[in-house]
């Protein structure tokens, strides 16, 4: 049997309890709907994360193959000198957007892909293979940033799903059953009190009639 709430068995409390149960059931439905919607959103974004992880793996493999080709073409020392002369990447701005009431990151940035003249190293001291390697790593960076945004979104959605699930379970298995059990107890107690009053009135009436007859 569910634990009872600490309330007085009165009709006022019974009415109040019925209102609370109605509100609790509505709240439970809203939270359950939110939980289901969050799970659907999570699964959709999870599929995107899997795709991006696969894409990132492929692009990293391509980038390192291009780097090996550039190293063979320009030499290790020259490649290090070129790398040191490269300008910093464009800055990113991290904002937030709302997904099902959950604030998730939104990374805004211009494309990381640059032309050979924008990277900072001297064009005459470079080679086509160095340019290709640079381009491949810029693609890796672009995908990695997108993946970071998606994976952080997944983490936040997962936390919200867990919190919502706990609230749904608390209402479904603890709060609502406790209020319903208390409501039934109050109804039974009021019925008992009504029967007691009825029999008491009958006894009083019988006594009055007996005295009147005597």
Protein backbone atom coordinates (compact mmCIF):
# COMPACT_ATOMS: atom_id res chain seq x y z
CA UNK A 1 0.00 0.00 0.00
CA UNK A 2 1.26 3.46 -0.87
CA UNK A 3 2.27 5.76 1.98
CA UNK A 4 -0.44 8.24 2.91
CA UNK A 5 -0.11 12.00 2.95
CA UNK A 6 -0.33 13.75 6.31
CA UNK A 7 -3.72 15.47 5.87
CA UNK A 8 -6.93 15.64 7.87
CA UNK A 9 -9.81 13.44 6.65
CA UNK A 10 -12.17 16.29 5.82
CA UNK A 11 -14.31 17.04 2.77
CA UNK A 12 -12.28 20.19 2.11
CA UNK A 13 -9.07 18.16 2.05
CA UNK A 14 -10.74 15.59 -0.20
CA UNK A 15 -11.72 18.26 -2.74
CA UNK A 16 -8.26 19.78 -2.58
CA UNK A 17 -6.67 16.37 -3.08
CA UNK A 18 -8.83 15.62 -6.12
CA UNK A 19 -7.72 18.91 -7.70
CA UNK A 20 -4.08 18.07 -6.98
CA UNK A 21 -4.46 14.61 -8.54
CA UNK A 22 -5.97 16.14 -11.68
CA UNK A 23 -3.07 18.59 -11.97
CA UNK A 24 -0.53 15.85 -11.27
CA UNK A 25 -1.97 13.64 -14.02
CA UNK A 26 -1.85 16.55 -16.49
CA UNK A 27 1.74 17.28 -15.44
CA UNK A 28 2.64 13.62 -15.85
CA UNK A 29 1.24 13.56 -19.40
CA UNK A 30 3.09 16.74 -20.36
CA UNK A 31 6.36 15.41 -18.96
CA UNK A 32 5.86 12.04 -20.66
CA UNK A 33 5.23 13.78 -23.98
CA UNK A 34 8.34 15.89 -23.44
CA UNK A 35 10.38 12.78 -22.62
CA UNK A 36 9.21 11.01 -25.79
CA UNK A 37 9.98 14.09 -27.92
CA UNK A 38 13.44 14.43 -26.35
CA UNK A 39 14.22 10.78 -27.06
CA UNK A 40 13.18 11.18 -30.71
CA UNK A 41 15.33 14.31 -31.04
CA UNK A 42 18.24 12.51 -29.33
CA UNK A 43 18.04 9.58 -31.75
CA UNK A 44 17.95 11.90 -34.76
CA UNK A 45 21.01 13.81 -33.59
CA UNK A 46 22.75 10.55 -32.59
CA UNK A 47 22.44 9.37 -36.19
CA UNK A 48 24.05 12.62 -37.32
CA UNK A 49 26.85 12.15 -34.78
CA UNK A 50 27.55 8.65 -36.11
CA UNK A 51 27.69 10.01 -39.65
CA UNK A 52 30.05 12.82 -38.65
CA UNK A 53 32.33 10.43 -36.72
CA UNK A 54 32.64 8.22 -39.77
CA UNK A 55 33.22 11.24 -41.99
CA UNK A 56 35.86 12.61 -39.61
CA UNK A 57 37.71 9.29 -39.57
CA UNK A 58 37.79 9.18 -43.36
CA UNK A 59 38.94 12.79 -43.69
CA UNK A 60 41.69 12.33 -41.09
CA UNK A 61 42.99 9.28 -42.98
CA UNK A 62 42.98 11.31 -46.23
CA UNK A 63 44.69 14.25 -44.50
CA UNK A 64 47.53 12.13 -43.10
CA UNK A 65 48.07 10.47 -46.47
CA UNK A 66 48.27 13.93 -48.05
CA UNK A 67 50.69 15.01 -45.28
CA UNK A 68 52.96 12.06 -45.99
CA UNK A 69 52.94 12.93 -49.69
CA UNK A 70 53.75 16.59 -48.88
CA UNK A 71 56.60 15.52 -46.57
CA UNK A 72 58.08 13.32 -49.28
CA UNK A 73 57.81 16.18 -51.77
CA UNK A 74 59.03 19.13 -49.67
CA UNK A 75 61.09 17.36 -46.99
CA UNK A 76 60.51 17.27 -43.24
CA UNK A 77 62.48 20.42 -42.39
CA UNK A 78 60.88 22.56 -45.10
CA UNK A 79 57.41 21.28 -44.15
CA UNK A 80 57.99 22.33 -40.51
CA UNK A 81 59.07 25.80 -41.65
CA UNK A 82 55.92 26.13 -43.77
CA UNK A 83 53.75 24.95 -40.84
CA UNK A 84 55.26 27.59 -38.54
CA UNK A 85 54.40 30.35 -41.01
CA UNK A 86 50.73 29.42 -41.30
CA UNK A 87 48.31 32.06 -40.00
CA UNK A 88 45.95 31.12 -37.13
CA UNK A 89 42.57 29.72 -38.07
CA UNK A 90 39.50 31.88 -37.98
CA UNK A 91 37.92 32.23 -34.54
CA UNK A 92 34.68 30.52 -33.71
CA UNK A 93 31.81 31.98 -31.72
CA UNK A 94 29.87 29.69 -29.39
CA UNK A 95 26.24 30.66 -28.91
CA UNK A 96 23.21 28.71 -27.77
CA UNK A 97 20.03 27.49 -29.38
CA UNK A 98 16.97 25.83 -27.90
CA UNK A 99 16.07 22.19 -28.57
CA UNK A 100 12.87 21.04 -26.79
CA UNK A 101 13.51 23.57 -24.02
CA UNK A 102 17.14 22.50 -23.62
CA UNK A 103 19.89 25.08 -24.30
CA UNK A 104 22.50 23.47 -26.58
CA UNK A 105 25.65 24.92 -28.19
CA UNK A 106 25.61 26.60 -31.58
CA UNK A 107 29.09 27.09 -33.02
CA UNK A 108 29.21 29.87 -35.57
CA UNK A 109 32.27 30.18 -37.76
CA UNK A 110 33.21 31.06 -41.28
CA UNK A 111 34.49 28.22 -43.41
CA UNK A 112 37.90 26.96 -42.29
CA UNK A 113 38.86 26.30 -45.88
CA UNK A 114 41.29 28.88 -47.25
CA UNK A 115 43.10 29.56 -50.46
CA UNK A 116 46.88 29.05 -50.66
CA UNK A 117 47.40 32.84 -50.55
CA UNK A 118 45.34 33.11 -47.31
CA UNK A 119 47.27 30.56 -45.26
CA UNK A 120 50.35 32.71 -44.73
CA UNK A 121 53.18 30.63 -46.13
CA UNK A 122 55.09 31.80 -49.18
CA UNK A 123 53.51 30.44 -52.33
CA UNK A 124 56.87 30.05 -54.14
CA UNK A 125 58.35 27.95 -51.31
CA UNK A 126 55.39 25.60 -51.22
CA UNK A 127 54.10 22.92 -53.56
CA UNK A 128 50.81 21.55 -54.81
CA UNK A 129 51.07 18.61 -52.40
CA UNK A 130 51.52 20.95 -49.43
CA UNK A 131 48.44 22.87 -50.56
CA UNK A 132 46.46 19.63 -50.82
CA UNK A 133 47.55 18.55 -47.31
CA UNK A 134 46.55 21.97 -45.94
CA UNK A 135 43.16 21.72 -47.60
CA UNK A 136 42.57 18.23 -46.24
CA UNK A 137 43.36 19.29 -42.65
CA UNK A 138 41.07 22.30 -43.00
CA UNK A 139 38.29 19.87 -43.94
CA UNK A 140 39.16 17.80 -40.86
CA UNK A 141 38.93 20.88 -38.63
CA UNK A 142 35.56 21.90 -40.10
CA UNK A 143 34.10 18.42 -39.50
CA UNK A 144 35.62 18.19 -36.00
CA UNK A 145 34.01 21.48 -34.95
CA UNK A 146 30.63 20.33 -36.25
CA UNK A 147 31.03 16.99 -34.45
CA UNK A 148 31.93 18.77 -31.19
CA UNK A 149 28.70 20.79 -31.40
CA UNK A 150 26.60 17.70 -32.08
CA UNK A 151 28.20 15.59 -29.33
CA UNK A 152 27.76 18.32 -26.71
CA UNK A 153 24.13 18.60 -27.80
CA UNK A 154 23.74 14.85 -27.26
CA UNK A 155 25.22 15.09 -23.76
CA UNK A 156 22.84 17.88 -22.75
CA UNK A 157 19.81 16.13 -24.23
CA UNK A 158 20.77 12.90 -22.43
CA UNK A 159 20.95 14.76 -19.10
CA UNK A 160 17.55 16.37 -19.71
CA UNK A 161 16.03 13.00 -20.67
CA UNK A 162 17.31 11.50 -17.41
CA UNK A 163 15.94 14.39 -15.32
CA UNK A 164 12.57 14.23 -17.10
CA UNK A 165 12.44 10.45 -16.70
CA UNK A 166 13.00 10.76 -12.94
CA UNK A 167 10.16 13.30 -12.68
CA UNK A 168 7.82 11.11 -14.75
CA UNK A 169 8.60 8.08 -12.59
CA UNK A 170 8.21 10.06 -9.36
CA UNK A 171 4.75 11.22 -10.43
CA UNK A 172 3.71 7.83 -11.81
CA UNK A 173 4.99 5.56 -9.06
CA UNK A 174 5.16 7.72 -5.93
CA UNK A 175 3.31 11.03 -5.91
CA UNK A 176 0.09 10.15 -7.76
CA UNK A 177 -0.33 6.71 -6.07
CA UNK A 178 0.24 8.35 -2.68
CA UNK A 179 -2.39 11.01 -3.35
CA UNK A 180 -4.84 8.42 -4.70
CA UNK A 181 -4.34 6.19 -1.66
CA UNK A 182 -4.88 9.18 0.63
CA UNK A 183 -8.03 10.13 -1.29
CA UNK A 184 -9.43 6.61 -0.88
CA UNK A 185 -8.56 6.66 2.83
CA UNK A 186 -10.34 10.00 3.32
CA UNK A 187 -13.40 8.75 1.40
CA UNK A 188 -13.53 5.61 3.57
CA UNK A 189 -13.06 7.65 6.75
CA UNK A 190 -15.80 10.09 5.75
CA UNK A 191 -18.14 7.17 4.98
CA UNK A 192 -17.39 5.68 8.41
CA UNK A 193 -18.02 9.02 10.09
CA UNK A 194 -21.29 9.40 8.17
CA UNK A 195 -22.44 5.93 9.25
CA UNK A 196 -21.45 6.67 12.86
CA UNK A 197 -23.43 9.93 12.77
CA UNK A 198 -26.41 8.12 11.24
CA UNK A 199 -26.48 5.48 13.98
CA UNK A 200 -25.90 8.12 16.65
CA UNK A 201 -28.88 10.12 15.35
CA UNK A 202 -31.01 6.98 15.31
CA UNK A 203 -30.14 6.28 18.95
CA UNK A 204 -30.89 9.86 19.94
CA UNK A 205 -34.20 9.72 18.08
CA UNK A 206 -35.07 6.42 19.76
CA UNK A 207 -34.28 7.90 23.20
CA UNK A 208 -36.41 10.97 22.49
CA UNK A 209 -39.32 8.83 21.33
CA UNK A 210 -38.98 6.53 24.36
CA UNK A 211 -39.06 9.48 26.75
CA UNK A 212 -42.00 11.01 24.91
CA UNK A 213 -43.90 7.71 25.11
CA UNK A 214 -43.21 7.31 28.83
